[in-house]
Amino acid sequence: MSILQSSYTATSPNSLFSPGSKFAKVDPTKWEGTWTGKDFKNQPFTFKITNVKGYRADVTFESSAGLQEQKAFITTKNVFRIGDSSFALTGKGTAKLTTIVTDPNTGIQTANTAIAHQKT
């Protein structure tokens, strides 16, 4: 058991949120709507962000990997996490999607990024 305890780490080295992230009210107009883009494999993806209240939002993320739905918590750095991905506002109507991909053979993790645009 001591061998397991000595090699266990409680946090991921590639955390998508920095330790100590804070949450505060966000402007719903910057977030709500449909966001689209193409991922690192040039496959389309869509984020639907609704019901933004305070720092919480309902998010649906659809990509070639499937569909994910969850309640997201938006940090004061304008970032939220869904699954192995983070979504960060980078400007008006623009965001960056960062997805951590783990190679099943080597265990090496890579951060892949893509740009999303808010539909008007």
C-alpha atoms as a PDB file:
ATOM      1  CA  MET A   1       0.000   0.000   0.000  1.00  0.00           C
ATOM      2  CA  SER A   2       2.841   2.417   0.741  1.00  0.00           C
ATOM      3  CA  ILE A   3       4.098   2.048  -2.839  1.00  0.00           C
ATOM      4  CA  LEU A   4       0.714   3.170  -4.152  1.00  0.00           C
ATOM      5  CA  GLN A   5       0.543   6.081  -1.728  1.00  0.00           C
ATOM      6  CA  SER A   6       4.023   7.323  -2.606  1.00  0.00           C
ATOM      7  CA  SER A   7       3.280   7.445  -6.343  1.00  0.00           C
ATOM      8  CA  TYR A   8      -0.225   8.916  -6.042  1.00  0.00           C
ATOM      9  CA  THR A   9      -0.775  12.569  -6.939  1.00  0.00           C
ATOM     10  CA  ALA A  10      -4.059  14.273  -6.187  1.00  0.00           C
ATOM     11  CA  THR A  11      -3.917  16.765  -9.069  1.00  0.00           C
ATOM     12  CA  SER A  12      -3.247  16.357 -12.753  1.00  0.00           C
ATOM     13  CA  PRO A  13      -0.029  17.944 -14.019  1.00  0.00           C
ATOM     14  CA  ASN A  14      -1.962  19.360 -16.998  1.00  0.00           C
ATOM     15  CA  SER A  15      -4.879  20.856 -15.091  1.00  0.00           C
ATOM     16  CA  LEU A  16      -7.109  23.036 -17.248  1.00  0.00           C
ATOM     17  CA  PHE A  17      -7.838  25.304 -14.251  1.00  0.00           C
ATOM     18  CA  SER A  18      -5.048  26.865 -12.291  1.00  0.00           C
ATOM     19  CA  PRO A  19      -5.131  26.142  -8.559  1.00  0.00           C
ATOM     20  CA  GLY A  20      -7.092  28.779  -6.664  1.00  0.00           C
ATOM     21  CA  SER A  21      -9.343  29.768  -9.598  1.00  0.00           C
ATOM     22  CA  LYS A  22     -12.060  32.199  -8.494  1.00  0.00           C
ATOM     23  CA  PHE A  23     -15.680  32.518  -9.600  1.00  0.00           C
ATOM     24  CA  ALA A  24     -17.750  35.721  -9.948  1.00  0.00           C
ATOM     25  CA  LYS A  25     -20.752  36.955 -11.949  1.00  0.00           C
ATOM     26  CA  VAL A  26     -20.172  37.103 -15.697  1.00  0.00           C
ATOM     27  CA  ASP A  27     -21.959  39.027 -18.458  1.00  0.00           C
ATOM     28  CA  PRO A  28     -24.392  36.524 -20.046  1.00  0.00           C
ATOM     29  CA  THR A  29     -24.318  38.354 -23.412  1.00  0.00           C
ATOM     30  CA  LYS A  30     -20.622  37.485 -23.805  1.00  0.00           C
ATOM     31  CA  TRP A  31     -21.322  33.782 -23.297  1.00  0.00           C
ATOM     32  CA  GLU A  32     -24.816  32.762 -24.363  1.00  0.00           C
ATOM     33  CA  GLY A  33     -25.410  31.425 -27.832  1.00  0.00           C
ATOM     34  CA  THR A  34     -23.984  28.939 -30.270  1.00  0.00           C
ATOM     35  CA  TRP A  35     -20.230  28.750 -30.810  1.00  0.00           C
ATOM     36  CA  THR A  36     -18.723  26.827 -33.729  1.00  0.00           C
ATOM     37  CA  GLY A  37     -15.293  25.917 -35.008  1.00  0.00           C
ATOM     38  CA  LYS A  38     -13.064  23.118 -36.265  1.00  0.00           C
ATOM     39  CA  ASP A  39     -10.890  21.072 -33.921  1.00  0.00           C
ATOM     40  CA  PHE A  40      -7.244  20.043 -34.308  1.00  0.00           C
ATOM     41  CA  LYS A  41      -8.372  17.211 -36.630  1.00  0.00           C
ATOM     42  CA  ASN A  42     -10.327  19.714 -38.765  1.00  0.00           C
ATOM     43  CA  GLN A  43     -13.612  18.232 -37.506  1.00  0.00           C
ATOM     44  CA  PRO A  44     -16.498  20.614 -36.697  1.00  0.00           C
ATOM     45  CA  PHE A  45     -17.602  21.228 -33.117  1.00  0.00           C
ATOM     46  CA  THR A  46     -20.427  23.214 -31.529  1.00  0.00           C
ATOM     47  CA  PHE A  47     -20.908  24.694 -28.081  1.00  0.00           C
ATOM     48  CA  LYS A  48     -24.375  25.772 -26.987  1.00  0.00           C
ATOM     49  CA  ILE A  49     -24.210  27.929 -23.895  1.00  0.00           C
ATOM     50  CA  THR A  50     -27.511  28.815 -22.228  1.00  0.00           C
ATOM     51  CA  ASN A  51     -28.997  29.857 -18.906  1.00  0.00           C
ATOM     52  CA  VAL A  52     -25.992  31.893 -17.752  1.00  0.00           C
ATOM     53  CA  LYS A  53     -26.679  33.049 -14.190  1.00  0.00           C
ATOM     54  CA  GLY A  54     -23.916  34.400 -12.001  1.00  0.00           C
ATOM     55  CA  TYR A  55     -20.939  32.239 -12.906  1.00  0.00           C
ATOM     56  CA  ARG A  56     -22.962  29.127 -13.849  1.00  0.00           C
ATOM     57  CA  ALA A  57     -24.085  28.079 -17.325  1.00  0.00           C
ATOM     58  CA  ASP A  58     -25.650  25.108 -19.064  1.00  0.00           C
ATOM     59  CA  VAL A  59     -23.304  23.831 -21.770  1.00  0.00           C
ATOM     60  CA  THR A  60     -23.773  21.327 -24.576  1.00  0.00           C
ATOM     61  CA  PHE A  61     -20.590  20.373 -26.436  1.00  0.00           C
ATOM     62  CA  GLU A  62     -20.963  18.375 -29.638  1.00  0.00           C
ATOM     63  CA  SER A  63     -17.968  17.100 -31.592  1.00  0.00           C
ATOM     64  CA  SER A  64     -16.802  14.072 -33.553  1.00  0.00           C
ATOM     65  CA  ALA A  65     -16.116  12.460 -30.151  1.00  0.00           C
ATOM     66  CA  GLY A  66     -19.798  12.714 -29.184  1.00  0.00           C
ATOM     67  CA  LEU A  67     -22.110  14.849 -27.090  1.00  0.00           C
ATOM     68  CA  GLN A  68     -21.440  16.190 -23.584  1.00  0.00           C
ATOM     69  CA  GLU A  69     -23.863  18.187 -21.459  1.00  0.00           C
ATOM     70  CA  GLN A  70     -23.168  19.710 -18.087  1.00  0.00           C
ATOM     71  CA  LYS A  71     -23.439  22.698 -15.793  1.00  0.00           C
ATOM     72  CA  ALA A  72     -20.259  24.769 -16.196  1.00  0.00           C
ATOM     73  CA  PHE A  73     -18.641  27.108 -13.689  1.00  0.00           C
ATOM     74  CA  ILE A  74     -17.005  30.129 -15.334  1.00  0.00           C
ATOM     75  CA  THR A  75     -13.883  31.482 -13.636  1.00  0.00           C
ATOM     76  CA  THR A  76     -12.907  35.140 -13.313  1.00  0.00           C
ATOM     77  CA  LYS A  77     -10.363  34.431 -16.063  1.00  0.00           C
ATOM     78  CA  ASN A  78     -13.302  33.768 -18.470  1.00  0.00           C
ATOM     79  CA  VAL A  79     -12.689  30.020 -18.677  1.00  0.00           C
ATOM     80  CA  PHE A  80     -14.797  26.941 -18.014  1.00  0.00           C
ATOM     81  CA  ARG A  81     -14.029  23.266 -18.264  1.00  0.00           C
ATOM     82  CA  ILE A  82     -16.082  20.485 -19.843  1.00  0.00           C
ATOM     83  CA  GLY A  83     -14.696  16.944 -19.910  1.00  0.00           C
ATOM     84  CA  ASP A  84     -11.057  17.026 -21.060  1.00  0.00           C
ATOM     85  CA  SER A  85     -11.477  20.464 -22.623  1.00  0.00           C
ATOM     86  CA  SER A  86     -11.477  24.075 -21.526  1.00  0.00           C
ATOM     87  CA  PHE A  87     -13.268  26.935 -23.242  1.00  0.00           C
ATOM     88  CA  ALA A  88     -11.763  30.422 -22.843  1.00  0.00           C
ATOM     89  CA  LEU A  89     -13.033  33.754 -24.161  1.00  0.00           C
ATOM     90  CA  THR A  90     -10.256  35.509 -26.061  1.00  0.00           C
ATOM     91  CA  GLY A  91     -12.197  38.478 -27.442  1.00  0.00           C
ATOM     92  CA  LYS A  92     -15.670  39.602 -28.455  1.00  0.00           C
ATOM     93  CA  GLY A  93     -17.320  36.600 -30.115  1.00  0.00           C
ATOM     94  CA  THR A  94     -14.093  34.556 -30.133  1.00  0.00           C
ATOM     95  CA  ALA A  95     -12.918  31.772 -27.869  1.00  0.00           C
ATOM     96  CA  LYS A  96     -10.186  29.158 -27.652  1.00  0.00           C
ATOM     97  CA  LEU A  97     -10.934  25.483 -27.075  1.00  0.00           C
ATOM     98  CA  THR A  98      -8.091  23.520 -25.483  1.00  0.00           C
ATOM     99  CA  THR A  99      -8.399  19.751 -25.286  1.00  0.00           C
ATOM    100  CA  ILE A 100      -6.007  17.461 -23.431  1.00  0.00           C
ATOM    101  CA  VAL A 101      -5.442  14.270 -25.441  1.00  0.00           C
ATOM    102  CA  THR A 102      -3.655  11.290 -23.896  1.00  0.00           C
ATOM    103  CA  ASP A 103      -1.822   8.852 -26.178  1.00  0.00           C
ATOM    104  CA  PRO A 104      -3.074   5.402 -25.092  1.00  0.00           C
ATOM    105  CA  ASN A 105       0.266   3.754 -25.924  1.00  0.00           C
ATOM    106  CA  THR A 106       2.688   6.138 -24.251  1.00  0.00           C
ATOM    107  CA  GLY A 107       0.506   8.030 -21.767  1.00  0.00           C
ATOM    108  CA  ILE A 108       1.923  11.306 -23.097  1.00  0.00           C
ATOM    109  CA  GLN A 109      -0.571  14.167 -22.859  1.00  0.00           C
ATOM    110  CA  THR A 110      -0.853  16.868 -25.505  1.00  0.00           C
ATOM    111  CA  ALA A 111      -2.852  20.098 -25.396  1.00  0.00           C
ATOM    112  CA  ASN A 112      -4.603  20.704 -28.723  1.00  0.00           C
ATOM    113  CA  THR A 113      -6.228  24.069 -29.435  1.00  0.00           C
ATOM    114  CA  ALA A 114      -8.905  25.359 -31.791  1.00  0.00           C
ATOM    115  CA  ILE A 115     -10.750  28.646 -32.270  1.00  0.00           C
ATOM    116  CA  ALA A 116     -14.525  29.043 -31.844  1.00  0.00           C
ATOM    117  CA  HIS A 117     -16.715  31.881 -33.086  1.00  0.00           C
ATOM    118  CA  GLN A 118     -20.041  32.970 -31.651  1.00  0.00           C
ATOM    119  CA  LYS A 119     -22.901  32.912 -34.159  1.00  0.00           C
ATOM    120  CA  THR A 120     -24.734  36.212 -34.402  1.00  0.00           C
END
